[in-house]
Amino acid sequence: MPNSDGGIFRGARWAPVVGTLCLVALGITGAGSTSTALADAQNPPSMCFDGPAGCEPQDFDNMFPTKNTPWDCHGKTIKPRRFCQTDNKVLTVWHDKDEIEASGWNRLKAVLKKDFDGTTDLRLKFHKKPILSGPAETDIIYTSPKKFPAGIHGLTWCENRVDKVKCDQHYVMFKSATPGKVYACHETGHAVGLTHGNRAYPEVDNQDPRLGCMITPPRAGVPGAETLGPHNRKMINKTY
């Protein structure tokens, strides 16, 4: 069974964290009263339905935060850990060579270049050494630890937040030291803020083909389900 909030599970789901969400930067300014501000915090704007024009009537918003993501962006001290948006369009990445094998990294790197750097407004940059503190931390740290929760193929969470929406550094863990393309795309999608279908607004089926690699459970070996696809690219480009 897929977890709904940043990991791929075969078993129990995490319980949702109930909290308020702040406005995402979509050209919408602060509220004019306390009651309006509270309403805005409880109902974050939808990229397609409350923000700037540019979405088709059948579109849905699956970029965190949506009206169906009941959590703030938190750091490592808050559990359960969740994903958020990354903090800028320059996407810096690093992998632990002791945990992810060379063949797995080559596959993961190919997905990053083809799906994220090559087809979106994100600009990929590989770090030779991870930056773990300060104002310019490495955006995504890829690992494959020996101790991994049972029944999970991949897991993504914010380790150091910027604010309630954006994260300075995400950790992406894979069960396998040679993660497949679909898991590389899926978990990296979470690390830039893409959600599953049941967290989109309006909610769509988790197997909706428009979700591309964000389909859950993922479908390895199905070409359209191993890439971002046009909908996710639109969500990324409207955000970054």
Protein backbone atom coordinates (compact mmCIF):
# COMPACT_ATOMS: atom_id res chain seq x y z
CA MET A 1 0.00 0.00 0.00
CA PRO A 2 1.37 3.48 -0.80
CA ASN A 3 1.78 6.01 1.95
CA SER A 4 0.01 9.24 1.08
CA ASP A 5 2.66 11.70 2.22
CA GLY A 6 6.09 11.10 0.79
CA GLY A 7 6.83 7.41 1.00
CA ILE A 8 5.88 4.22 -0.79
CA PHE A 9 4.48 1.69 1.66
CA ARG A 10 3.15 -1.84 1.72
CA GLY A 11 1.24 -1.72 4.99
CA ALA A 12 0.11 0.93 7.42
CA ARG A 13 -0.14 4.61 6.57
CA TRP A 14 1.24 7.42 8.68
CA ALA A 15 -1.39 9.39 10.52
CA PRO A 16 -1.71 12.91 9.09
CA VAL A 17 -0.37 15.89 10.99
CA VAL A 18 -3.14 18.41 11.43
CA GLY A 19 -1.92 21.97 11.16
CA THR A 20 -2.25 25.21 9.24
CA LEU A 21 -0.60 26.08 5.97
CA CYS A 22 0.58 29.49 4.80
CA LEU A 23 0.12 31.06 1.39
CA VAL A 24 2.37 29.91 -1.41
CA ALA A 25 3.98 32.63 -3.47
CA LEU A 26 1.47 32.95 -6.30
CA GLY A 27 1.01 36.68 -6.37
CA ILE A 28 -1.48 36.54 -3.49
CA THR A 29 -0.74 38.98 -0.67
CA GLY A 30 -1.54 38.87 3.02
CA ALA A 31 -5.05 39.01 4.41
CA GLY A 32 -6.68 42.22 5.53
CA SER A 33 -8.14 40.95 8.79
CA THR A 34 -7.52 38.33 11.45
CA SER A 35 -10.51 36.27 10.31
CA THR A 36 -9.41 36.42 6.68
CA ALA A 37 -5.85 35.48 7.61
CA LEU A 38 -7.11 32.48 9.54
CA ALA A 39 -9.26 31.38 6.62
CA ASP A 40 -6.31 31.72 4.26
CA ALA A 41 -4.09 29.67 6.58
CA GLN A 42 -6.65 26.89 6.83
CA ASN A 43 -7.35 26.90 3.08
CA PRO A 44 -4.12 27.42 1.15
CA PRO A 45 -4.53 28.69 -2.40
CA SER A 46 -4.72 26.22 -5.24
CA MET A 47 -2.27 26.77 -8.06
CA CYS A 48 -4.96 26.07 -10.64
CA PHE A 49 -8.10 27.40 -9.00
CA ASP A 50 -7.19 30.35 -6.75
CA GLY A 51 -3.98 31.59 -8.34
CA PRO A 52 -2.95 33.08 -11.69
CA ALA A 53 -4.61 31.91 -14.88
CA GLY A 54 -3.00 29.21 -16.98
CA CYS A 55 -4.65 25.93 -15.99
CA GLU A 56 -7.24 24.03 -17.96
CA PRO A 57 -10.67 23.26 -16.42
CA GLN A 58 -9.79 19.58 -16.01
CA ASP A 59 -6.46 20.32 -14.31
CA PHE A 60 -5.70 19.59 -10.67
CA ASP A 61 -3.10 21.03 -8.31
CA ASN A 62 -0.65 18.47 -6.90
CA MET A 63 2.07 20.89 -5.80
CA PHE A 64 2.45 21.27 -2.02
CA PRO A 65 0.67 22.97 -0.36
CA THR A 66 -2.79 22.11 -1.62
CA LYS A 67 -6.12 22.17 0.16
CA ASN A 68 -5.62 18.44 0.79
CA THR A 69 -2.16 18.57 2.43
CA PRO A 70 -2.90 19.03 6.15
CA TRP A 71 0.66 19.73 7.29
CA ASP A 72 3.18 22.54 7.50
CA CYS A 73 6.73 22.14 6.30
CA HIS A 74 8.70 20.96 9.33
CA GLY A 75 12.29 20.06 10.00
CA LYS A 76 13.95 17.06 11.55
CA THR A 77 12.55 17.61 15.03
CA ILE A 78 8.95 17.02 13.94
CA LYS A 79 7.49 13.56 13.33
CA PRO A 80 6.11 12.14 11.16
CA ARG A 81 8.42 13.73 8.63
CA ARG A 82 6.90 15.22 5.49
CA PHE A 83 8.01 16.74 2.21
CA CYS A 84 7.57 20.37 1.11
CA GLN A 85 8.62 22.52 -1.83
CA THR A 86 12.33 23.01 -2.41
CA ASP A 87 13.57 26.56 -1.90
CA ASN A 88 14.66 27.66 -5.38
CA LYS A 89 14.89 26.62 -9.03
CA VAL A 90 18.58 25.62 -8.79
CA LEU A 91 18.28 22.02 -7.60
CA THR A 92 21.50 20.87 -5.93
CA VAL A 93 21.92 17.14 -5.26
CA TRP A 94 24.39 14.71 -3.69
CA HIS A 95 24.41 10.96 -3.14
CA ASP A 96 26.13 8.86 -0.49
CA LYS A 97 28.59 6.69 -2.43
CA ASP A 98 28.84 4.28 0.48
CA GLU A 99 25.12 3.52 0.30
CA ILE A 100 24.05 3.95 -3.33
CA GLU A 101 25.92 1.81 -5.85
CA ALA A 102 27.43 3.31 -8.97
CA SER A 103 24.91 1.65 -11.29
CA GLY A 104 22.05 2.98 -9.17
CA TRP A 105 23.50 6.47 -9.18
CA ASN A 106 23.94 6.40 -12.95
CA ARG A 107 20.27 5.51 -13.33
CA LEU A 108 19.18 8.13 -10.82
CA LYS A 109 21.39 10.77 -12.46
CA ALA A 110 19.91 9.99 -15.88
CA VAL A 111 16.39 10.53 -14.50
CA LEU A 112 17.43 13.83 -12.92
CA LYS A 113 18.95 15.10 -16.15
CA LYS A 114 16.15 13.91 -18.43
CA ASP A 115 13.06 14.61 -16.35
CA PHE A 116 13.98 17.47 -14.03
CA ASP A 117 16.82 19.41 -15.66
CA GLY A 118 15.91 18.70 -19.26
CA THR A 119 12.15 19.31 -19.29
CA THR A 120 11.40 21.78 -16.45
CA ASP A 121 12.52 25.23 -15.31
CA LEU A 122 14.61 23.59 -12.56
CA ARG A 123 18.36 23.75 -13.08
CA LEU A 124 20.31 20.76 -11.82
CA LYS A 125 23.66 21.05 -10.07
CA PHE A 126 25.65 18.12 -8.65
CA HIS A 127 27.58 18.71 -5.43
CA LYS A 128 30.84 16.82 -4.95
CA LYS A 129 30.47 17.22 -1.21
CA PRO A 130 27.21 17.75 0.67
CA ILE A 131 26.54 21.13 2.27
CA LEU A 132 24.73 20.30 5.49
CA SER A 133 24.47 23.70 7.17
CA GLY A 134 24.26 27.38 6.39
CA PRO A 135 22.11 29.33 3.92
CA ALA A 136 22.85 27.18 0.84
CA GLU A 137 22.47 23.55 1.89
CA THR A 138 22.41 20.78 -0.70
CA ASP A 139 18.75 20.54 -1.70
CA ILE A 140 18.50 16.74 -1.97
CA ILE A 141 20.61 14.13 -0.18
CA TYR A 142 20.14 10.61 -1.63
CA THR A 143 20.84 7.64 0.65
CA SER A 144 20.13 3.93 1.01
CA PRO A 145 20.66 3.08 4.68
CA LYS A 146 21.08 -0.48 5.92
CA LYS A 147 18.28 -0.06 8.44
CA PHE A 148 15.17 0.70 6.44
CA PRO A 149 11.50 0.54 7.52
CA ALA A 150 9.86 -2.70 6.46
CA GLY A 151 7.63 -2.58 3.42
CA ILE A 152 8.87 0.78 2.13
CA HIS A 153 10.62 1.30 -1.21
CA GLY A 154 11.32 5.01 -0.89
CA LEU A 155 10.90 7.83 1.60
CA THR A 156 11.32 11.61 1.33
CA TRP A 157 11.21 14.23 4.07
CA CYS A 158 12.35 17.77 4.82
CA GLU A 159 15.36 17.78 7.12
CA ASN A 160 15.71 21.56 7.40
CA ARG A 161 12.83 23.86 6.58
CA VAL A 162 12.91 27.48 5.41
CA ASP A 163 9.30 28.28 6.31
CA LYS A 164 5.89 26.59 6.34
CA VAL A 165 6.06 25.93 2.59
CA LYS A 166 9.70 25.63 1.55
CA CYS A 167 12.54 23.34 2.61
CA ASP A 168 16.28 24.01 2.45
CA GLN A 169 17.22 20.32 2.42
CA HIS A 170 15.30 17.11 1.72
CA TYR A 171 16.52 13.60 2.43
CA VAL A 172 15.54 10.87 -0.03
CA MET A 173 16.03 7.27 1.13
CA PHE A 174 15.75 4.20 -1.08
CA LYS A 175 15.39 0.64 0.11
CA SER A 176 17.57 -0.52 -2.79
CA ALA A 177 21.14 0.61 -3.37
CA THR A 178 20.25 0.52 -7.08
CA PRO A 179 16.88 2.32 -7.20
CA GLY A 180 14.84 1.97 -10.38
CA LYS A 181 13.81 4.87 -12.61
CA VAL A 182 10.27 5.02 -11.33
CA TYR A 183 11.37 5.33 -7.69
CA ALA A 184 14.06 7.89 -8.59
CA CYS A 185 11.47 10.03 -10.38
CA HIS A 186 8.77 9.53 -7.74
CA GLU A 187 10.84 10.44 -4.69
CA THR A 188 12.58 13.35 -6.40
CA GLY A 189 9.11 14.56 -7.36
CA HIS A 190 8.20 14.63 -3.67
CA ALA A 191 11.43 16.53 -2.92
CA VAL A 192 10.29 19.40 -5.16
CA GLY A 193 6.75 19.31 -3.73
CA LEU A 194 4.70 17.01 -5.97
CA THR A 195 1.99 15.01 -4.17
CA HIS A 196 0.06 11.82 -4.77
CA GLY A 197 -3.39 12.04 -6.32
CA ASN A 198 -5.24 11.84 -3.01
CA ARG A 199 -3.38 14.95 -1.80
CA ALA A 200 -4.11 16.93 -4.98
CA TYR A 201 -6.86 19.53 -5.24
CA PRO A 202 -9.33 18.48 -6.45
CA GLU A 203 -8.42 14.97 -5.35
CA VAL A 204 -7.79 12.51 -8.17
CA ASP A 205 -7.24 8.77 -8.18
CA ASN A 206 -3.73 7.73 -7.13
CA GLN A 207 -3.47 5.82 -10.42
CA ASP A 208 -4.60 8.74 -12.62
CA PRO A 209 -2.27 8.54 -15.66
CA ARG A 210 -1.74 12.31 -15.62
CA LEU A 211 0.32 11.82 -12.45
CA GLY A 212 3.12 10.17 -14.43
CA CYS A 213 5.78 8.89 -12.03
CA MET A 214 3.80 10.28 -9.08
CA ILE A 215 1.30 7.43 -9.54
CA THR A 216 1.16 5.34 -6.40
CA PRO A 217 1.92 2.54 -6.10
CA PRO A 218 4.45 3.21 -8.88
CA ARG A 219 4.33 1.12 -12.04
CA ALA A 220 7.83 0.11 -13.06
CA GLY A 221 8.30 -0.74 -16.72
CA VAL A 222 5.40 1.43 -17.91
CA PRO A 223 7.03 4.29 -19.88
CA GLY A 224 4.37 6.90 -19.14
CA ALA A 225 4.49 6.04 -15.43
CA GLU A 226 8.29 6.35 -15.16
CA THR A 227 8.57 10.00 -16.23
CA LEU A 228 7.19 13.29 -14.92
CA GLY A 229 4.79 13.81 -17.81
CA PRO A 230 3.26 17.12 -18.96
CA HIS A 231 1.04 17.73 -15.93
CA ASN A 232 3.85 17.49 -13.35
CA ARG A 233 6.11 19.62 -15.54
CA LYS A 234 3.40 22.28 -15.58
CA MET A 235 3.13 22.18 -11.79
CA ILE A 236 6.91 22.54 -11.40
CA ASN A 237 7.21 25.34 -13.93
CA LYS A 238 4.34 27.34 -12.38
CA THR A 239 6.09 27.04 -9.01
CA TYR A 240 9.75 27.62 -9.88
